[in-house]
Amino acid sequence: MFEIRYYESSRGEVYVREYIDQLVGNHQCKILAFIKKLRNQGYLLRRPVAAYLGSKLWELRPGSHRILYSFYERDKIILLHAFHKKSSEVPKGDMELAMNRLNDWLNRGRYEK
């Protein structure tokens, strides 16, 4: 089983949790079910549930929602960014945002907590 953590900004914002909290009904339930699958299966998840994007980033794919995440310390996962996907490819800006958050999180030593 993998440990799931949410990226938290230096100001205390937890963007993925905030994204999930603003959803209602089946959308929220589906995302939480996918996060549970991720926690239980980690690297073993494949399409259509999850996909590797490159540069240490993976995407969780619950319907039209996307959660970008990364693995660290073999059995831990950091959820970095969530958004509603409107095109066939993950937008470059969303990938850059997730990478910036990952780098920020690692530079602040958050992986130790």
PDB file of N, CA and C in Angstrom:
ATOM      1  N   MET A   1       0.847  -1.186   0.000  1.00  0.00           N
ATOM      2  CA  MET A   1       0.000   0.000   0.000  1.00  0.00           C
ATOM      3  C   MET A   1       0.889   1.246   0.000  1.00  0.00           C
ATOM      4  N   PHE A   2       0.478   2.243  -0.742  1.00  0.00           N
ATOM      5  CA  PHE A   2       1.224   3.488  -0.870  1.00  0.00           C
ATOM      6  C   PHE A   2       0.636   4.556   0.043  1.00  0.00           C
ATOM      7  N   GLU A   3       1.485   5.456   0.477  1.00  0.00           N
ATOM      8  CA  GLU A   3       1.032   6.588   1.271  1.00  0.00           C
ATOM      9  C   GLU A   3       0.748   7.747   0.323  1.00  0.00           C
ATOM     10  N   ILE A   4      -0.423   8.350   0.463  1.00  0.00           N
ATOM     11  CA  ILE A   4      -0.827   9.474  -0.382  1.00  0.00           C
ATOM     12  C   ILE A   4      -0.666  10.765   0.418  1.00  0.00           C
ATOM     13  N   ARG A   5       0.007  11.731  -0.181  1.00  0.00           N
ATOM     14  CA  ARG A   5       0.123  13.062   0.417  1.00  0.00           C
ATOM     15  C   ARG A   5      -0.336  14.092  -0.603  1.00  0.00           C
ATOM     16  N   TYR A   6      -0.817  15.205  -0.088  1.00  0.00           N
ATOM     17  CA  TYR A   6      -1.269  16.312  -0.931  1.00  0.00           C
ATOM     18  C   TYR A   6      -0.233  17.430  -0.864  1.00  0.00           C
ATOM     19  N   TYR A   7       0.117  17.963  -2.032  1.00  0.00           N
ATOM     20  CA  TYR A   7       1.011  19.119  -2.056  1.00  0.00           C
ATOM     21  C   TYR A   7       0.353  20.263  -1.297  1.00  0.00           C
ATOM     22  N   GLU A   8       1.158  20.920  -0.450  1.00  0.00           N
ATOM     23  CA  GLU A   8       0.704  22.090   0.281  1.00  0.00           C
ATOM     24  C   GLU A   8       1.655  23.236  -0.016  1.00  0.00           C
ATOM     25  N   SER A   9       1.115  24.354  -0.460  1.00  0.00           N
ATOM     26  CA  SER A   9       1.954  25.514  -0.790  1.00  0.00           C
ATOM     27  C   SER A   9       2.549  26.106   0.483  1.00  0.00           C
ATOM     28  N   SER A  10       3.477  27.018   0.320  1.00  0.00           N
ATOM     29  CA  SER A  10       4.090  27.679   1.471  1.00  0.00           C
ATOM     30  C   SER A  10       3.076  28.519   2.239  1.00  0.00           C
ATOM     31  N   ARG A  11       1.951  28.847   1.592  1.00  0.00           N
ATOM     32  CA  ARG A  11       0.870  29.604   2.249  1.00  0.00           C
ATOM     33  C   ARG A  11      -0.200  28.691   2.845  1.00  0.00           C
ATOM     34  N   GLY A  12       0.014  27.377   2.762  1.00  0.00           N
ATOM     35  CA  GLY A  12      -0.925  26.437   3.346  1.00  0.00           C
ATOM     36  C   GLY A  12      -2.066  26.010   2.441  1.00  0.00           C
ATOM     37  N   GLU A  13      -2.000  26.348   1.158  1.00  0.00           N
ATOM     38  CA  GLU A  13      -3.055  25.954   0.232  1.00  0.00           C
ATOM     39  C   GLU A  13      -2.831  24.512  -0.224  1.00  0.00           C
ATOM     40  N   VAL A  14      -3.901  23.740  -0.215  1.00  0.00           N
ATOM     41  CA  VAL A  14      -3.841  22.339  -0.632  1.00  0.00           C
ATOM     42  C   VAL A  14      -4.754  22.216  -1.857  1.00  0.00           C
ATOM     43  N   TYR A  15      -4.173  22.498  -3.028  1.00  0.00           N
ATOM     44  CA  TYR A  15      -4.950  22.686  -4.249  1.00  0.00           C
ATOM     45  C   TYR A  15      -5.751  21.465  -4.680  1.00  0.00           C
ATOM     46  N   VAL A  16      -5.184  20.278  -4.599  1.00  0.00           N
ATOM     47  CA  VAL A  16      -5.916  19.087  -5.040  1.00  0.00           C
ATOM     48  C   VAL A  16      -7.102  18.827  -4.117  1.00  0.00           C
ATOM     49  N   ARG A  17      -6.892  18.939  -2.829  1.00  0.00           N
ATOM     50  CA  ARG A  17      -8.005  18.741  -1.888  1.00  0.00           C
ATOM     51  C   ARG A  17      -9.085  19.791  -2.113  1.00  0.00           C
ATOM     52  N   GLU A  18      -8.688  21.037  -2.359  1.00  0.00           N
ATOM     53  CA  GLU A  18      -9.657  22.101  -2.627  1.00  0.00           C
ATOM     54  C   GLU A  18     -10.441  21.816  -3.904  1.00  0.00           C
ATOM     55  N   TYR A  19      -9.768  21.304  -4.919  1.00  0.00           N
ATOM     56  CA  TYR A  19     -10.436  20.954  -6.175  1.00  0.00           C
ATOM     57  C   TYR A  19     -11.483  19.867  -5.932  1.00  0.00           C
ATOM     58  N   ILE A  20     -11.103  18.841  -5.202  1.00  0.00           N
ATOM     59  CA  ILE A  20     -12.017  17.736  -4.926  1.00  0.00           C
ATOM     60  C   ILE A  20     -13.196  18.219  -4.091  1.00  0.00           C
ATOM     61  N   ASP A  21     -12.922  19.048  -3.094  1.00  0.00           N
ATOM     62  CA  ASP A  21     -13.981  19.537  -2.205  1.00  0.00           C
ATOM     63  C   ASP A  21     -15.037  20.371  -2.930  1.00  0.00           C
ATOM     64  N   GLN A  22     -14.670  21.043  -4.013  1.00  0.00           N
ATOM     65  CA  GLN A  22     -15.642  21.881  -4.718  1.00  0.00           C
ATOM     66  C   GLN A  22     -16.527  21.079  -5.667  1.00  0.00           C
ATOM     67  N   LEU A  23     -16.179  19.821  -5.890  1.00  0.00           N
ATOM     68  CA  LEU A  23     -16.995  18.965  -6.756  1.00  0.00           C
ATOM     69  C   LEU A  23     -18.170  18.395  -5.974  1.00  0.00           C
ATOM     70  N   VAL A  24     -19.173  17.939  -6.694  1.00  0.00           N
ATOM     71  CA  VAL A  24     -20.345  17.369  -6.034  1.00  0.00           C
ATOM     72  C   VAL A  24     -20.630  15.967  -6.573  1.00  0.00           C
ATOM     73  N   GLY A  25     -21.330  15.200  -5.765  1.00  0.00           N
ATOM     74  CA  GLY A  25     -21.869  13.915  -6.184  1.00  0.00           C
ATOM     75  C   GLY A  25     -20.887  12.941  -6.777  1.00  0.00           C
ATOM     76  N   ASN A  26     -21.268  12.405  -7.931  1.00  0.00           N
ATOM     77  CA  ASN A  26     -20.493  11.339  -8.567  1.00  0.00           C
ATOM     78  C   ASN A  26     -19.081  11.759  -8.951  1.00  0.00           C
ATOM     79  N   HIS A  27     -18.883  13.014  -9.308  1.00  0.00           N
ATOM     80  CA  HIS A  27     -17.545  13.472  -9.689  1.00  0.00           C
ATOM     81  C   HIS A  27     -16.582  13.304  -8.509  1.00  0.00           C
ATOM     82  N   GLN A  28     -17.001  13.771  -7.356  1.00  0.00           N
ATOM     83  CA  GLN A  28     -16.167  13.672  -6.163  1.00  0.00           C
ATOM     84  C   GLN A  28     -15.947  12.209  -5.781  1.00  0.00           C
ATOM     85  N   CYS A  29     -16.991  11.422  -5.814  1.00  0.00           N
ATOM     86  CA  CYS A  29     -16.886   9.997  -5.465  1.00  0.00           C
ATOM     87  C   CYS A  29     -15.936   9.258  -6.397  1.00  0.00           C
ATOM     88  N   LYS A  30     -16.008   9.560  -7.686  1.00  0.00           N
ATOM     89  CA  LYS A  30     -15.152   8.886  -8.656  1.00  0.00           C
ATOM     90  C   LYS A  30     -13.683   9.230  -8.421  1.00  0.00           C
ATOM     91  N   ILE A  31     -13.390  10.496  -8.169  1.00  0.00           N
ATOM     92  CA  ILE A  31     -12.008  10.892  -7.903  1.00  0.00           C
ATOM     93  C   ILE A  31     -11.494  10.197  -6.652  1.00  0.00           C
ATOM     94  N   LEU A  32     -12.285  10.177  -5.596  1.00  0.00           N
ATOM     95  CA  LEU A  32     -11.846   9.529  -4.355  1.00  0.00           C
ATOM     96  C   LEU A  32     -11.645   8.030  -4.555  1.00  0.00           C
ATOM     97  N   ALA A  33     -12.468   7.394  -5.376  1.00  0.00           N
ATOM     98  CA  ALA A  33     -12.291   5.974  -5.681  1.00  0.00           C
ATOM     99  C   ALA A  33     -10.993   5.744  -6.461  1.00  0.00           C
ATOM    100  N   PHE A  34     -10.662   6.635  -7.391  1.00  0.00           N
ATOM    101  CA  PHE A  34      -9.417   6.518  -8.153  1.00  0.00           C
ATOM    102  C   PHE A  34      -8.206   6.728  -7.247  1.00  0.00           C
ATOM    103  N   ILE A  35      -8.292   7.665  -6.302  1.00  0.00           N
ATOM    104  CA  ILE A  35      -7.190   7.880  -5.356  1.00  0.00           C
ATOM    105  C   ILE A  35      -6.998   6.633  -4.497  1.00  0.00           C
ATOM    106  N   LYS A  36      -8.090   5.988  -4.131  1.00  0.00           N
ATOM    107  CA  LYS A  36      -7.991   4.749  -3.360  1.00  0.00           C
ATOM    108  C   LYS A  36      -7.294   3.658  -4.186  1.00  0.00           C
ATOM    109  N   LYS A  37      -7.640   3.552  -5.469  1.00  0.00           N
ATOM    110  CA  LYS A  37      -6.963   2.593  -6.345  1.00  0.00           C
ATOM    111  C   LYS A  37      -5.480   2.905  -6.427  1.00  0.00           C
ATOM    112  N   LEU A  38      -5.145   4.181  -6.537  1.00  0.00           N
ATOM    113  CA  LEU A  38      -3.750   4.596  -6.597  1.00  0.00           C
ATOM    114  C   LEU A  38      -3.025   4.201  -5.316  1.00  0.00           C
ATOM    115  N   ARG A  39      -3.643   4.436  -4.184  1.00  0.00           N
ATOM    116  CA  ARG A  39      -3.041   4.068  -2.900  1.00  0.00           C
ATOM    117  C   ARG A  39      -2.797   2.562  -2.823  1.00  0.00           C
ATOM    118  N   ASN A  40      -3.714   1.783  -3.347  1.00  0.00           N
ATOM    119  CA  ASN A  40      -3.595   0.324  -3.255  1.00  0.00           C
ATOM    120  C   ASN A  40      -2.672  -0.285  -4.295  1.00  0.00           C
ATOM    121  N   GLN A  41      -2.591   0.321  -5.484  1.00  0.00           N
ATOM    122  CA  GLN A  41      -1.856  -0.310  -6.580  1.00  0.00           C
ATOM    123  C   GLN A  41      -0.634   0.454  -7.059  1.00  0.00           C
ATOM    124  N   GLY A  42      -0.547   1.745  -6.782  1.00  0.00           N
ATOM    125  CA  GLY A  42       0.628   2.536  -7.131  1.00  0.00           C
ATOM    126  C   GLY A  42       1.081   2.387  -8.567  1.00  0.00           C
ATOM    127  N   TYR A  43       2.330   1.949  -8.744  1.00  0.00           N
ATOM    128  CA  TYR A  43       2.934   1.827 -10.073  1.00  0.00           C
ATOM    129  C   TYR A  43       2.206   0.840 -10.988  1.00  0.00           C
ATOM    130  N   LEU A  44       1.414  -0.046 -10.433  1.00  0.00           N
ATOM    131  CA  LEU A  44       0.743  -1.065 -11.240  1.00  0.00           C
ATOM    132  C   LEU A  44      -0.453  -0.533 -12.023  1.00  0.00           C
ATOM    133  N   LEU A  45      -0.947   0.650 -11.668  1.00  0.00           N
ATOM    134  CA  LEU A  45      -2.088   1.220 -12.392  1.00  0.00           C
ATOM    135  C   LEU A  45      -1.695   1.567 -13.817  1.00  0.00           C
ATOM    136  N   ARG A  46      -2.549   1.242 -14.742  1.00  0.00           N
ATOM    137  CA  ARG A  46      -2.326   1.535 -16.159  1.00  0.00           C
ATOM    138  C   ARG A  46      -3.573   2.202 -16.730  1.00  0.00           C
ATOM    139  N   ARG A  47      -3.485   2.584 -17.991  1.00  0.00           N
ATOM    140  CA  ARG A  47      -4.642   3.138 -18.684  1.00  0.00           C
ATOM    141  C   ARG A  47      -5.792   2.147 -18.626  1.00  0.00           C
ATOM    142  N   PRO A  48      -6.967   2.590 -18.452  1.00  0.00           N
ATOM    143  CA  PRO A  48      -7.451   3.964 -18.505  1.00  0.00           C
ATOM    144  C   PRO A  48      -7.429   4.690 -17.157  1.00  0.00           C
ATOM    145  N   VAL A  49      -6.972   4.037 -16.093  1.00  0.00           N
ATOM    146  CA  VAL A  49      -7.004   4.648 -14.758  1.00  0.00           C
ATOM    147  C   VAL A  49      -5.880   5.667 -14.563  1.00  0.00           C
ATOM    148  N   ALA A  50      -4.681   5.337 -15.016  1.00  0.00           N
ATOM    149  CA  ALA A  50      -3.522   6.206 -14.815  1.00  0.00           C
ATOM    150  C   ALA A  50      -2.592   6.097 -16.016  1.00  0.00           C
ATOM    151  N   ALA A  51      -1.711   7.087 -16.162  1.00  0.00           N
ATOM    152  CA  ALA A  51      -0.740   7.060 -17.265  1.00  0.00           C
ATOM    153  C   ALA A  51       0.488   7.870 -16.875  1.00  0.00           C
ATOM    154  N   TYR A  52       1.651   7.415 -17.361  1.00  0.00           N
ATOM    155  CA  TYR A  52       2.893   8.145 -17.147  1.00  0.00           C
ATOM    156  C   TYR A  52       3.007   9.235 -18.200  1.00  0.00           C
ATOM    157  N   LEU A  53       3.317  10.458 -17.759  1.00  0.00           N
ATOM    158  CA  LEU A  53       3.422  11.599 -18.668  1.00  0.00           C
ATOM    159  C   LEU A  53       4.866  11.947 -18.999  1.00  0.00           C
ATOM    160  N   GLY A  54       5.806  11.444 -18.226  1.00  0.00           N
ATOM    161  CA  GLY A  54       7.213  11.795 -18.380  1.00  0.00           C
ATOM    162  C   GLY A  54       7.636  12.794 -17.327  1.00  0.00           C
ATOM    163  N   SER A  55       8.946  12.964 -17.185  1.00  0.00           N
ATOM    164  CA  SER A  55       9.508  13.947 -16.243  1.00  0.00           C
ATOM    165  C   SER A  55       8.990  13.757 -14.821  1.00  0.00           C
ATOM    166  N   LYS A  56       8.890  12.522 -14.367  1.00  0.00           N
ATOM    167  CA  LYS A  56       8.459  12.183 -13.000  1.00  0.00           C
ATOM    168  C   LYS A  56       6.976  12.422 -12.748  1.00  0.00           C
ATOM    169  N   LEU A  57       6.222  12.758 -13.773  1.00  0.00           N
ATOM    170  CA  LEU A  57       4.796  13.053 -13.585  1.00  0.00           C
ATOM    171  C   LEU A  57       3.914  11.937 -14.138  1.00  0.00           C
ATOM    172  N   TRP A  58       2.872  11.646 -13.393  1.00  0.00           N
ATOM    173  CA  TRP A  58       1.846  10.689 -13.770  1.00  0.00           C
ATOM    174  C   TRP A  58       0.512  11.416 -13.716  1.00  0.00           C
ATOM    175  N   GLU A  59      -0.486  10.862 -14.406  1.00  0.00           N
ATOM    176  CA  GLU A  59      -1.834  11.417 -14.318  1.00  0.00           C
ATOM    177  C   GLU A  59      -2.805  10.334 -13.877  1.00  0.00           C
ATOM    178  N   LEU A  60      -3.654  10.688 -12.941  1.00  0.00           N
ATOM    179  CA  LEU A  60      -4.789   9.872 -12.555  1.00  0.00           C
ATOM    180  C   LEU A  60      -5.941  10.366 -13.405  1.00  0.00           C
ATOM    181  N   ARG A  61      -6.759   9.442 -13.965  1.00  0.00           N
ATOM    182  CA  ARG A  61      -7.689   9.814 -15.028  1.00  0.00           C
ATOM    183  C   ARG A  61      -9.154   9.492 -14.720  1.00  0.00           C
ATOM    184  N   PRO A  62      -9.716  10.058 -13.654  1.00  0.00           N
ATOM    185  CA  PRO A  62     -11.132   9.803 -13.363  1.00  0.00           C
ATOM    186  C   PRO A  62     -12.059  10.632 -14.254  1.00  0.00           C
ATOM    187  N   GLY A  63     -12.552  10.015 -15.311  1.00  0.00           N
ATOM    188  CA  GLY A  63     -13.447  10.716 -16.236  1.00  0.00           C
ATOM    189  C   GLY A  63     -12.746  11.878 -16.906  1.00  0.00           C
ATOM    190  N   SER A  64     -13.367  13.042 -16.876  1.00  0.00           N
ATOM    191  CA  SER A  64     -12.777  14.219 -17.510  1.00  0.00           C
ATOM    192  C   SER A  64     -11.889  15.014 -16.547  1.00  0.00           C
ATOM    193  N   HIS A  65     -11.682  14.491 -15.351  1.00  0.00           N
ATOM    194  CA  HIS A  65     -10.820  15.146 -14.374  1.00  0.00           C
ATOM    195  C   HIS A  65      -9.426  14.521 -14.450  1.00  0.00           C
ATOM    196  N   ARG A  66      -8.429  15.296 -14.101  1.00  0.00           N
ATOM    197  CA  ARG A  66      -7.063  14.803 -14.061  1.00  0.00           C
ATOM    198  C   ARG A  66      -6.409  15.247 -12.762  1.00  0.00           C
ATOM    199  N   ILE A  67      -5.644  14.332 -12.172  1.00  0.00           N
ATOM    200  CA  ILE A  67      -4.820  14.654 -11.015  1.00  0.00           C
ATOM    201  C   ILE A  67      -3.401  14.267 -11.381  1.00  0.00           C
ATOM    202  N   LEU A  68      -2.499  15.237 -11.347  1.00  0.00           N
ATOM    203  CA  LEU A  68      -1.097  14.983 -11.651  1.00  0.00           C
ATOM    204  C   LEU A  68      -0.373  14.693 -10.346  1.00  0.00           C
ATOM    205  N   TYR A  69       0.477  13.669 -10.386  1.00  0.00           N
ATOM    206  CA  TYR A  69       1.158  13.228  -9.165  1.00  0.00           C
ATOM    207  C   TYR A  69       2.537  12.688  -9.495  1.00  0.00           C
ATOM    208  N   SER A  70       3.302  12.429  -8.421  1.00  0.00           N
ATOM    209  CA  SER A  70       4.636  11.877  -8.573  1.00  0.00           C
ATOM    210  C   SER A  70       4.897  10.896  -7.428  1.00  0.00           C
ATOM    211  N   PHE A  71       5.753   9.929  -7.684  1.00  0.00           N
ATOM    212  CA  PHE A  71       6.174   8.973  -6.659  1.00  0.00           C
ATOM    213  C   PHE A  71       7.471   9.455  -6.018  1.00  0.00           C
ATOM    214  N   TYR A  72       7.685   9.094  -4.760  1.00  0.00           N
ATOM    215  CA  TYR A  72       8.960   9.335  -4.096  1.00  0.00           C
ATOM    216  C   TYR A  72       9.131   8.288  -2.998  1.00  0.00           C
ATOM    217  N   GLU A  73      10.368   8.070  -2.604  1.00  0.00           N
ATOM    218  CA  GLU A  73      10.686   7.088  -1.559  1.00  0.00           C
ATOM    219  C   GLU A  73       9.994   5.750  -1.784  1.00  0.00           C
ATOM    220  N   ARG A  74       9.908   5.282  -2.991  1.00  0.00           N
ATOM    221  CA  ARG A  74       9.333   4.007  -3.423  1.00  0.00           C
ATOM    222  C   ARG A  74       7.864   3.788  -3.106  1.00  0.00           C
ATOM    223  N   ASP A  75       7.391   4.187  -1.923  1.00  0.00           N
ATOM    224  CA  ASP A  75       6.025   3.847  -1.534  1.00  0.00           C
ATOM    225  C   ASP A  75       5.180   5.058  -1.155  1.00  0.00           C
ATOM    226  N   LYS A  76       5.584   6.239  -1.619  1.00  0.00           N
ATOM    227  CA  LYS A  76       4.829   7.448  -1.307  1.00  0.00           C
ATOM    228  C   LYS A  76       4.478   8.176  -2.603  1.00  0.00           C
ATOM    229  N   ILE A  77       3.335   8.849  -2.555  1.00  0.00           N
ATOM    230  CA  ILE A  77       2.823   9.573  -3.718  1.00  0.00           C
ATOM    231  C   ILE A  77       2.419  10.971  -3.267  1.00  0.00           C
ATOM    232  N   ILE A  78       2.815  11.978  -4.055  1.00  0.00           N
ATOM    233  CA  ILE A  78       2.407  13.351  -3.780  1.00  0.00           C
ATOM    234  C   ILE A  78       1.455  13.802  -4.890  1.00  0.00           C
ATOM    235  N   LEU A  79       0.248  14.200  -4.499  1.00  0.00           N
ATOM    236  CA  LEU A  79      -0.747  14.722  -5.444  1.00  0.00           C
ATOM    237  C   LEU A  79      -0.476  16.209  -5.619  1.00  0.00           C
ATOM    238  N   LEU A  80      -0.206  16.623  -6.844  1.00  0.00           N
ATOM    239  CA  LEU A  80       0.310  17.966  -7.104  1.00  0.00           C
ATOM    240  C   LEU A  80      -0.694  18.953  -7.679  1.00  0.00           C
ATOM    241  N   HIS A  81      -1.536  18.489  -8.587  1.00  0.00           N
ATOM    242  CA  HIS A  81      -2.396  19.415  -9.329  1.00  0.00           C
ATOM    243  C   HIS A  81      -3.614  18.661  -9.846  1.00  0.00           C
ATOM    244  N   ALA A  82      -4.771  19.314  -9.821  1.00  0.00           N
ATOM    245  CA  ALA A  82      -6.008  18.717 -10.351  1.00  0.00           C
ATOM    246  C   ALA A  82      -6.700  19.738 -11.249  1.00  0.00           C
ATOM    247  N   PHE A  83      -7.331  19.227 -12.303  1.00  0.00           N
ATOM    248  CA  PHE A  83      -8.025  20.112 -13.229  1.00  0.00           C
ATOM    249  C   PHE A  83      -9.031  19.317 -14.048  1.00  0.00           C
ATOM    250  N   HIS A  84      -9.933  20.051 -14.679  1.00  0.00           N
ATOM    251  CA  HIS A  84     -10.915  19.464 -15.586  1.00  0.00           C
ATOM    252  C   HIS A  84     -10.308  19.491 -16.978  1.00  0.00           C
ATOM    253  N   LYS A  85     -10.153  18.333 -17.570  1.00  0.00           N
ATOM    254  CA  LYS A  85      -9.497  18.220 -18.869  1.00  0.00           C
ATOM    255  C   LYS A  85     -10.504  18.492 -19.983  1.00  0.00           C
ATOM    256  N   LYS A  86     -10.118  19.368 -20.912  1.00  0.00           N
ATOM    257  CA  LYS A  86     -11.011  19.761 -21.994  1.00  0.00           C
ATOM    258  C   LYS A  86     -10.478  19.389 -23.368  1.00  0.00           C
ATOM    259  N   SER A  87      -9.245  18.885 -23.439  1.00  0.00           N
ATOM    260  CA  SER A  87      -8.658  18.521 -24.727  1.00  0.00           C
ATOM    261  C   SER A  87      -8.053  17.123 -24.635  1.00  0.00           C
ATOM    262  N   SER A  88      -7.580  16.601 -25.748  1.00  0.00           N
ATOM    263  CA  SER A  88      -7.061  15.230 -25.759  1.00  0.00           C
ATOM    264  C   SER A  88      -5.708  15.103 -25.071  1.00  0.00           C
ATOM    265  N   GLU A  89      -4.953  16.166 -24.994  1.00  0.00           N
ATOM    266  CA  GLU A  89      -3.636  16.130 -24.364  1.00  0.00           C
ATOM    267  C   GLU A  89      -3.658  16.925 -23.065  1.00  0.00           C
ATOM    268  N   VAL A  90      -2.777  16.552 -22.145  1.00  0.00           N
ATOM    269  CA  VAL A  90      -2.632  17.329 -20.921  1.00  0.00           C
ATOM    270  C   VAL A  90      -1.954  18.641 -21.310  1.00  0.00           C
ATOM    271  N   PRO A  91      -2.574  19.769 -21.017  1.00  0.00           N
ATOM    272  CA  PRO A  91      -1.983  21.056 -21.391  1.00  0.00           C
ATOM    273  C   PRO A  91      -0.592  21.249 -20.779  1.00  0.00           C
ATOM    274  N   LYS A  92       0.301  21.813 -21.570  1.00  0.00           N
ATOM    275  CA  LYS A  92       1.675  22.042 -21.137  1.00  0.00           C
ATOM    276  C   LYS A  92       1.721  22.886 -19.861  1.00  0.00           C
ATOM    277  N   GLY A  93       0.847  23.880 -19.767  1.00  0.00           N
ATOM    278  CA  GLY A  93       0.804  24.740 -18.580  1.00  0.00           C
ATOM    279  C   GLY A  93       0.479  23.968 -17.313  1.00  0.00           C
ATOM    280  N   ASP A  94      -0.408  22.985 -17.418  1.00  0.00           N
ATOM    281  CA  ASP A  94      -0.751  22.167 -16.250  1.00  0.00           C
ATOM    282  C   ASP A  94       0.420  21.277 -15.841  1.00  0.00           C
ATOM    283  N   MET A  95       1.144  20.752 -16.830  1.00  0.00           N
ATOM    284  CA  MET A  95       2.319  19.937 -16.518  1.00  0.00           C
ATOM    285  C   MET A  95       3.413  20.797 -15.874  1.00  0.00           C
ATOM    286  N   GLU A  96       3.614  22.004 -16.403  1.00  0.00           N
ATOM    287  CA  GLU A  96       4.617  22.897 -15.823  1.00  0.00           C
ATOM    288  C   GLU A  96       4.255  23.280 -14.400  1.00  0.00           C
ATOM    289  N   LEU A  97       2.982  23.544 -14.156  1.00  0.00           N
ATOM    290  CA  LEU A  97       2.531  23.882 -12.808  1.00  0.00           C
ATOM    291  C   LEU A  97       2.796  22.728 -11.848  1.00  0.00           C
ATOM    292  N   ALA A  98       2.478  21.512 -12.269  1.00  0.00           N
ATOM    293  CA  ALA A  98       2.726  20.343 -11.428  1.00  0.00           C
ATOM    294  C   ALA A  98       4.221  20.168 -11.150  1.00  0.00           C
ATOM    295  N   MET A  99       5.067  20.359 -12.167  1.00  0.00           N
ATOM    296  CA  MET A  99       6.521  20.239 -11.965  1.00  0.00           C
ATOM    297  C   MET A  99       7.030  21.325 -11.023  1.00  0.00           C
ATOM    298  N   ASN A 100       6.522  22.533 -11.162  1.00  0.00           N
ATOM    299  CA  ASN A 100       6.917  23.621 -10.257  1.00  0.00           C
ATOM    300  C   ASN A 100       6.532  23.290  -8.824  1.00  0.00           C
ATOM    301  N   ARG A 101       5.348  22.740  -8.642  1.00  0.00           N
ATOM    302  CA  ARG A 101       4.917  22.362  -7.292  1.00  0.00           C
ATOM    303  C   ARG A 101       5.769  21.223  -6.741  1.00  0.00           C
ATOM    304  N   LEU A 102       6.090  20.255  -7.581  1.00  0.00           N
ATOM    305  CA  LEU A 102       6.949  19.159  -7.131  1.00  0.00           C
ATOM    306  C   LEU A 102       8.313  19.700  -6.706  1.00  0.00           C
ATOM    307  N   ASN A 103       8.905  20.548  -7.520  1.00  0.00           N
ATOM    308  CA  ASN A 103      10.209  21.115  -7.183  1.00  0.00           C
ATOM    309  C   ASN A 103      10.141  21.962  -5.922  1.00  0.00           C
ATOM    310  N   ASP A 104       9.096  22.760  -5.777  1.00  0.00           N
ATOM    311  CA  ASP A 104       8.903  23.565  -4.567  1.00  0.00           C
ATOM    312  C   ASP A 104       8.804  22.666  -3.345  1.00  0.00           C
ATOM    313  N   TRP A 105       8.020  21.634  -3.451  1.00  0.00           N
ATOM    314  CA  TRP A 105       7.785  20.716  -2.334  1.00  0.00           C
ATOM    315  C   TRP A 105       9.078  20.019  -1.934  1.00  0.00           C
ATOM    316  N   LEU A 106       9.843  19.562  -2.917  1.00  0.00           N
ATOM    317  CA  LEU A 106      11.115  18.895  -2.622  1.00  0.00           C
ATOM    318  C   LEU A 106      12.136  19.879  -2.044  1.00  0.00           C
ATOM    319  N   ASN A 107      12.205  21.078  -2.598  1.00  0.00           N
ATOM    320  CA  ASN A 107      13.160  22.087  -2.108  1.00  0.00           C
ATOM    321  C   ASN A 107      12.874  22.523  -0.681  1.00  0.00           C
ATOM    322  N   ARG A 108      11.601  22.493  -0.294  1.00  0.00           N
ATOM    323  CA  ARG A 108      11.244  22.860   1.074  1.00  0.00           C
ATOM    324  C   ARG A 108      11.390  21.680   2.017  1.00  0.00           C
ATOM    325  N   GLY A 109      11.824  20.523   1.505  1.00  0.00           N
ATOM    326  CA  GLY A 109      12.034  19.363   2.358  1.00  0.00           C
ATOM    327  C   GLY A 109      10.762  18.717   2.838  1.00  0.00           C
ATOM    328  N   ARG A 110       9.679  18.910   2.120  1.00  0.00           N
ATOM    329  CA  ARG A 110       8.377  18.361   2.552  1.00  0.00           C
ATOM    330  C   ARG A 110       8.345  16.843   2.507  1.00  0.00           C
ATOM    331  N   TYR A 111       9.225  16.237   1.729  1.00  0.00           N
ATOM    332  CA  TYR A 111       9.221  14.780   1.612  1.00  0.00           C
ATOM    333  C   TYR A 111       9.633  14.108   2.905  1.00  0.00           C
ATOM    334  N   GLU A 112      10.270  14.841   3.810  1.00  0.00           N
ATOM    335  CA  GLU A 112      10.713  14.261   5.074  1.00  0.00           C
ATOM    336  C   GLU A 112       9.596  14.125   6.085  1.00  0.00           C
ATOM    337  N   LYS A 113       8.505  14.831   5.905  1.00  0.00           N
ATOM    338  CA  LYS A 113       7.432  14.839   6.896  1.00  0.00           C
ATOM    339  C   LYS A 113       6.457  13.714   6.657  1.00  0.00           C
TER     340      LYS A 113
END
